[in-house]
Amino acid sequence: MRASNEMMDIVTNERKKKGISLSKLAAKIGIAKSSLSRYEHRQREFPVNLAGKFADALGISVVYLLGISDDYELTSMIANLDSNQKNQVKQYIEQISSQKQAQD
C-alpha cells in the first residue's frame, strides 16, 4: 500500500489535472474543505477509510490510489465497473487494508 504522502500526491495531481477545486472535491467526498486542505498540506494523514470516495470523486481506481496495482489497464477496467461491482472491490480492498494495518 502507498504511504499517505504518495496517496495525497495522486489526489492533488488528479484534482489539479481535472480542474477540480478544493471545495468541489470536498463536497463530492463529503468532508469539509478545511479537512481536505489539511490532507493536501500534509497536516493530516490520508484517510484510508475514504479512499473509495476520493477515487470515485476523481474518476480513478481505488486500487491505483492505494497502490495495490500500478497497472493502468487494470485500474482503468476497475474504474469502469458498475457501482455494485465497485462496491464489492472496495469492500475487498478495505478488508486487505485493515489486515495490513493490523499487521504493522
N, C-alpha and C. Protein backbone atom coordinates (compact mmCIF):
# COMPACT_ATOMS: atom_id res chain seq x y z
N MET A 1 0.84 -1.18 0.00
CA MET A 1 0.00 0.00 0.00
C MET A 1 0.88 1.24 0.00
N ARG A 2 0.41 2.26 -0.68
CA ARG A 2 1.18 3.51 -0.74
C ARG A 2 1.19 4.22 0.62
N ALA A 3 2.20 5.04 0.82
CA ALA A 3 2.27 5.89 2.01
C ALA A 3 1.25 7.03 1.86
N SER A 4 0.88 7.61 2.97
CA SER A 4 -0.09 8.70 2.98
C SER A 4 0.29 9.83 2.01
N ASN A 5 1.56 10.23 2.04
CA ASN A 5 2.02 11.31 1.16
C ASN A 5 1.87 10.95 -0.31
N GLU A 6 2.13 9.70 -0.65
CA GLU A 6 2.01 9.26 -2.04
C GLU A 6 0.56 9.31 -2.50
N MET A 7 -0.35 8.88 -1.63
CA MET A 7 -1.77 8.92 -1.99
C MET A 7 -2.24 10.36 -2.17
N MET A 8 -1.79 11.24 -1.28
CA MET A 8 -2.19 12.63 -1.41
C MET A 8 -1.56 13.29 -2.63
N ASP A 9 -0.37 12.86 -3.02
CA ASP A 9 0.22 13.37 -4.26
C ASP A 9 -0.68 13.02 -5.44
N ILE A 10 -1.18 11.80 -5.46
CA ILE A 10 -2.07 11.38 -6.54
C ILE A 10 -3.36 12.19 -6.51
N VAL A 11 -3.95 12.33 -5.33
CA VAL A 11 -5.20 13.09 -5.19
C VAL A 11 -4.99 14.53 -5.67
N THR A 12 -3.95 15.16 -5.19
CA THR A 12 -3.69 16.56 -5.55
C THR A 12 -3.44 16.71 -7.05
N ASN A 13 -2.61 15.82 -7.60
CA ASN A 13 -2.31 15.89 -9.04
C ASN A 13 -3.56 15.65 -9.89
N GLU A 14 -4.37 14.67 -9.53
CA GLU A 14 -5.59 14.39 -10.28
C GLU A 14 -6.58 15.55 -10.16
N ARG A 15 -6.69 16.10 -8.95
CA ARG A 15 -7.61 17.22 -8.74
C ARG A 15 -7.22 18.41 -9.62
N LYS A 16 -5.93 18.73 -9.62
CA LYS A 16 -5.46 19.87 -10.42
C LYS A 16 -5.55 19.58 -11.91
N LYS A 17 -5.18 18.35 -12.31
CA LYS A 17 -5.23 17.96 -13.72
C LYS A 17 -6.65 18.08 -14.27
N LYS A 18 -7.63 17.76 -13.44
CA LYS A 18 -9.03 17.78 -13.88
C LYS A 18 -9.72 19.10 -13.58
N GLY A 19 -8.98 20.04 -13.02
CA GLY A 19 -9.54 21.37 -12.76
C GLY A 19 -10.63 21.39 -11.70
N ILE A 20 -10.50 20.52 -10.71
CA ILE A 20 -11.49 20.45 -9.64
C ILE A 20 -10.98 21.27 -8.45
N SER A 21 -11.81 22.16 -7.96
CA SER A 21 -11.41 22.98 -6.82
C SER A 21 -11.44 22.16 -5.53
N LEU A 22 -10.77 22.68 -4.51
CA LEU A 22 -10.81 22.05 -3.20
C LEU A 22 -12.24 21.92 -2.71
N SER A 23 -13.00 22.99 -2.86
CA SER A 23 -14.39 23.00 -2.39
C SER A 23 -15.22 21.93 -3.08
N LYS A 24 -15.07 21.84 -4.40
CA LYS A 24 -15.87 20.87 -5.16
C LYS A 24 -15.49 19.44 -4.79
N LEU A 25 -14.20 19.16 -4.67
CA LEU A 25 -13.77 17.81 -4.32
C LEU A 25 -14.23 17.46 -2.90
N ALA A 26 -14.08 18.39 -1.99
CA ALA A 26 -14.52 18.15 -0.60
C ALA A 26 -16.02 17.84 -0.57
N ALA A 27 -16.80 18.57 -1.34
CA ALA A 27 -18.25 18.33 -1.38
C ALA A 27 -18.56 16.95 -1.96
N LYS A 28 -17.84 16.56 -3.00
CA LYS A 28 -18.06 15.23 -3.61
C LYS A 28 -17.74 14.10 -2.63
N ILE A 29 -16.73 14.32 -1.81
CA ILE A 29 -16.30 13.29 -0.86
C ILE A 29 -17.16 13.31 0.40
N GLY A 30 -17.68 14.50 0.72
CA GLY A 30 -18.49 14.64 1.92
C GLY A 30 -17.70 15.03 3.14
N ILE A 31 -16.63 15.80 2.91
CA ILE A 31 -15.81 16.29 4.02
C ILE A 31 -15.71 17.81 3.92
N ALA A 32 -15.24 18.44 4.97
CA ALA A 32 -15.06 19.89 4.97
C ALA A 32 -13.87 20.27 4.08
N LYS A 33 -13.97 21.42 3.46
CA LYS A 33 -12.87 21.93 2.63
C LYS A 33 -11.60 22.06 3.47
N SER A 34 -11.75 22.49 4.71
CA SER A 34 -10.59 22.66 5.59
C SER A 34 -9.90 21.32 5.86
N SER A 35 -10.68 20.24 5.96
CA SER A 35 -10.07 18.92 6.16
C SER A 35 -9.27 18.50 4.94
N LEU A 36 -9.85 18.71 3.76
CA LEU A 36 -9.15 18.37 2.53
C LEU A 36 -7.87 19.18 2.40
N SER A 37 -7.93 20.43 2.75
CA SER A 37 -6.75 21.29 2.70
C SER A 37 -5.66 20.75 3.63
N ARG A 38 -6.05 20.30 4.81
CA ARG A 38 -5.07 19.75 5.75
C ARG A 38 -4.43 18.47 5.20
N TYR A 39 -5.22 17.66 4.50
CA TYR A 39 -4.66 16.45 3.87
C TYR A 39 -3.65 16.85 2.80
N GLU A 40 -4.04 17.82 1.96
CA GLU A 40 -3.16 18.23 0.86
C GLU A 40 -1.88 18.88 1.37
N HIS A 41 -1.95 19.56 2.49
CA HIS A 41 -0.77 20.22 3.04
C HIS A 41 -0.02 19.32 4.03
N ARG A 42 -0.41 18.05 4.05
CA ARG A 42 0.26 17.02 4.85
C ARG A 42 0.22 17.30 6.35
N GLN A 43 -0.83 18.01 6.78
CA GLN A 43 -1.01 18.25 8.21
C GLN A 43 -1.78 17.11 8.86
N ARG A 44 -2.41 16.28 8.02
CA ARG A 44 -3.11 15.09 8.48
C ARG A 44 -2.78 13.94 7.54
N GLU A 45 -2.85 12.72 8.08
CA GLU A 45 -2.64 11.53 7.28
C GLU A 45 -3.83 11.32 6.34
N PHE A 46 -3.57 10.72 5.19
CA PHE A 46 -4.63 10.40 4.25
C PHE A 46 -5.63 9.45 4.92
N PRO A 47 -6.93 9.74 4.80
CA PRO A 47 -7.95 8.89 5.44
C PRO A 47 -8.24 7.65 4.58
N VAL A 48 -7.55 6.57 4.84
CA VAL A 48 -7.68 5.36 4.03
C VAL A 48 -9.13 4.89 3.97
N ASN A 49 -9.89 5.10 5.03
CA ASN A 49 -11.28 4.67 5.03
C ASN A 49 -12.13 5.45 4.01
N LEU A 50 -11.62 6.55 3.51
CA LEU A 50 -12.33 7.34 2.48
C LEU A 50 -11.71 7.19 1.10
N ALA A 51 -10.81 6.24 0.94
CA ALA A 51 -10.11 6.08 -0.34
C ALA A 51 -11.09 5.86 -1.49
N GLY A 52 -12.13 5.08 -1.26
CA GLY A 52 -13.12 4.82 -2.30
C GLY A 52 -13.84 6.08 -2.73
N LYS A 53 -14.16 6.95 -1.77
CA LYS A 53 -14.84 8.21 -2.09
C LYS A 53 -13.91 9.14 -2.87
N PHE A 54 -12.65 9.20 -2.45
CA PHE A 54 -11.67 10.01 -3.18
C PHE A 54 -11.54 9.51 -4.61
N ALA A 55 -11.39 8.19 -4.76
CA ALA A 55 -11.21 7.61 -6.09
C ALA A 55 -12.42 7.88 -6.97
N ASP A 56 -13.62 7.66 -6.44
CA ASP A 56 -14.84 7.92 -7.22
C ASP A 56 -14.94 9.38 -7.64
N ALA A 57 -14.67 10.27 -6.71
CA ALA A 57 -14.78 11.71 -6.99
C ALA A 57 -13.80 12.16 -8.06
N LEU A 58 -12.65 11.48 -8.13
CA LEU A 58 -11.62 11.86 -9.09
C LEU A 58 -11.66 11.01 -10.37
N GLY A 59 -12.51 10.00 -10.39
CA GLY A 59 -12.61 9.14 -11.57
C GLY A 59 -11.40 8.25 -11.76
N ILE A 60 -10.81 7.85 -10.65
CA ILE A 60 -9.67 6.93 -10.70
C ILE A 60 -10.02 5.67 -9.91
N SER A 61 -9.21 4.67 -10.03
CA SER A 61 -9.44 3.41 -9.34
C SER A 61 -8.89 3.47 -7.92
N VAL A 62 -9.64 2.94 -6.99
CA VAL A 62 -9.16 2.85 -5.61
C VAL A 62 -7.94 1.92 -5.53
N VAL A 63 -7.89 0.95 -6.41
CA VAL A 63 -6.75 0.03 -6.46
C VAL A 63 -5.47 0.80 -6.80
N TYR A 64 -5.58 1.72 -7.74
CA TYR A 64 -4.44 2.55 -8.12
C TYR A 64 -4.10 3.52 -6.99
N LEU A 65 -5.11 4.17 -6.44
CA LEU A 65 -4.87 5.16 -5.38
C LEU A 65 -4.16 4.55 -4.19
N LEU A 66 -4.58 3.37 -3.79
CA LEU A 66 -3.97 2.71 -2.63
C LEU A 66 -2.63 2.07 -2.95
N GLY A 67 -2.33 1.92 -4.24
CA GLY A 67 -1.05 1.34 -4.62
C GLY A 67 -1.07 -0.18 -4.67
N ILE A 68 -2.25 -0.74 -4.70
CA ILE A 68 -2.35 -2.19 -4.79
C ILE A 68 -1.92 -2.65 -6.17
N SER A 69 -2.15 -1.79 -7.16
CA SER A 69 -1.68 -2.07 -8.51
C SER A 69 -1.34 -0.76 -9.20
N ASP A 70 -0.21 -0.75 -9.89
CA ASP A 70 0.16 0.40 -10.72
C ASP A 70 -0.18 0.13 -12.18
N ASP A 71 -0.84 -0.99 -12.43
CA ASP A 71 -1.21 -1.39 -13.77
C ASP A 71 -2.35 -0.50 -14.27
N TYR A 72 -2.04 0.41 -15.17
CA TYR A 72 -3.04 1.37 -15.65
C TYR A 72 -4.23 0.67 -16.30
N GLU A 73 -3.96 -0.38 -17.07
CA GLU A 73 -5.04 -1.10 -17.74
C GLU A 73 -6.00 -1.71 -16.72
N LEU A 74 -5.45 -2.35 -15.71
CA LEU A 74 -6.27 -2.96 -14.68
C LEU A 74 -7.08 -1.90 -13.94
N THR A 75 -6.43 -0.83 -13.56
CA THR A 75 -7.14 0.20 -12.81
C THR A 75 -8.21 0.87 -13.66
N SER A 76 -7.98 0.99 -14.96
CA SER A 76 -9.00 1.55 -15.85
C SER A 76 -10.21 0.64 -15.93
N MET A 77 -9.96 -0.66 -15.99
CA MET A 77 -11.07 -1.62 -16.03
C MET A 77 -11.89 -1.53 -14.75
N ILE A 78 -11.22 -1.43 -13.63
CA ILE A 78 -11.94 -1.34 -12.35
C ILE A 78 -12.73 -0.05 -12.28
N ALA A 79 -12.15 1.03 -12.76
CA ALA A 79 -12.85 2.31 -12.74
C ALA A 79 -14.13 2.27 -13.57
N ASN A 80 -14.20 1.38 -14.56
CA ASN A 80 -15.37 1.30 -15.43
C ASN A 80 -16.40 0.26 -14.99
N LEU A 81 -16.21 -0.35 -13.83
CA LEU A 81 -17.19 -1.30 -13.32
C LEU A 81 -18.47 -0.57 -12.90
N ASP A 82 -19.58 -1.31 -12.85
CA ASP A 82 -20.81 -0.67 -12.37
C ASP A 82 -20.69 -0.48 -10.85
N SER A 83 -21.60 0.29 -10.27
CA SER A 83 -21.47 0.67 -8.86
C SER A 83 -21.49 -0.53 -7.92
N ASN A 84 -22.27 -1.55 -8.22
CA ASN A 84 -22.30 -2.74 -7.37
C ASN A 84 -20.95 -3.45 -7.40
N GLN A 85 -20.39 -3.58 -8.59
CA GLN A 85 -19.09 -4.23 -8.72
C GLN A 85 -18.00 -3.41 -8.03
N LYS A 86 -18.07 -2.09 -8.17
CA LYS A 86 -17.09 -1.23 -7.50
C LYS A 86 -17.18 -1.39 -5.99
N ASN A 87 -18.40 -1.46 -5.47
CA ASN A 87 -18.57 -1.61 -4.03
C ASN A 87 -17.97 -2.92 -3.54
N GLN A 88 -18.13 -3.98 -4.32
CA GLN A 88 -17.54 -5.26 -3.94
C GLN A 88 -16.01 -5.17 -3.93
N VAL A 89 -15.44 -4.53 -4.93
CA VAL A 89 -13.99 -4.36 -4.98
C VAL A 89 -13.52 -3.51 -3.81
N LYS A 90 -14.23 -2.42 -3.51
CA LYS A 90 -13.86 -1.54 -2.40
C LYS A 90 -13.88 -2.29 -1.07
N GLN A 91 -14.93 -3.08 -0.86
CA GLN A 91 -15.02 -3.84 0.39
C GLN A 91 -13.85 -4.80 0.52
N TYR A 92 -13.51 -5.45 -0.56
CA TYR A 92 -12.38 -6.37 -0.55
C TYR A 92 -11.08 -5.63 -0.24
N ILE A 93 -10.89 -4.50 -0.88
CA ILE A 93 -9.67 -3.71 -0.67
C ILE A 93 -9.60 -3.18 0.75
N GLU A 94 -10.73 -2.75 1.28
CA GLU A 94 -10.76 -2.25 2.66
C GLU A 94 -10.41 -3.36 3.64
N GLN A 95 -10.87 -4.57 3.35
CA GLN A 95 -10.51 -5.71 4.20
C GLN A 95 -9.01 -5.95 4.16
N ILE A 96 -8.44 -5.92 2.97
CA ILE A 96 -7.00 -6.12 2.81
C ILE A 96 -6.23 -5.02 3.54
N SER A 97 -6.68 -3.77 3.37
CA SER A 97 -6.01 -2.64 4.03
C SER A 97 -6.06 -2.78 5.54
N SER A 98 -7.21 -3.18 6.07
CA SER A 98 -7.35 -3.35 7.51
C SER A 98 -6.43 -4.45 8.02
N GLN A 99 -6.34 -5.53 7.26
CA GLN A 99 -5.47 -6.63 7.65
C GLN A 99 -4.00 -6.20 7.63
N LYS A 100 -3.61 -5.43 6.61
CA LYS A 100 -2.22 -4.96 6.52
C LYS A 100 -1.91 -4.00 7.66
N GLN A 101 -2.86 -3.11 7.98
CA GLN A 101 -2.63 -2.17 9.06
C GLN A 101 -2.51 -2.89 10.40
N ALA A 102 -3.29 -3.93 10.58
CA ALA A 102 -3.24 -4.71 11.83
C ALA A 102 -1.90 -5.43 11.96
N GLN A 103 -1.31 -5.81 10.83
CA GLN A 103 -0.02 -6.49 10.85
C GLN A 103 1.13 -5.54 11.16
N ASP A 104 0.96 -4.28 10.80
CA ASP A 104 2.03 -3.28 11.00
C ASP A 104 2.07 -2.82 12.40
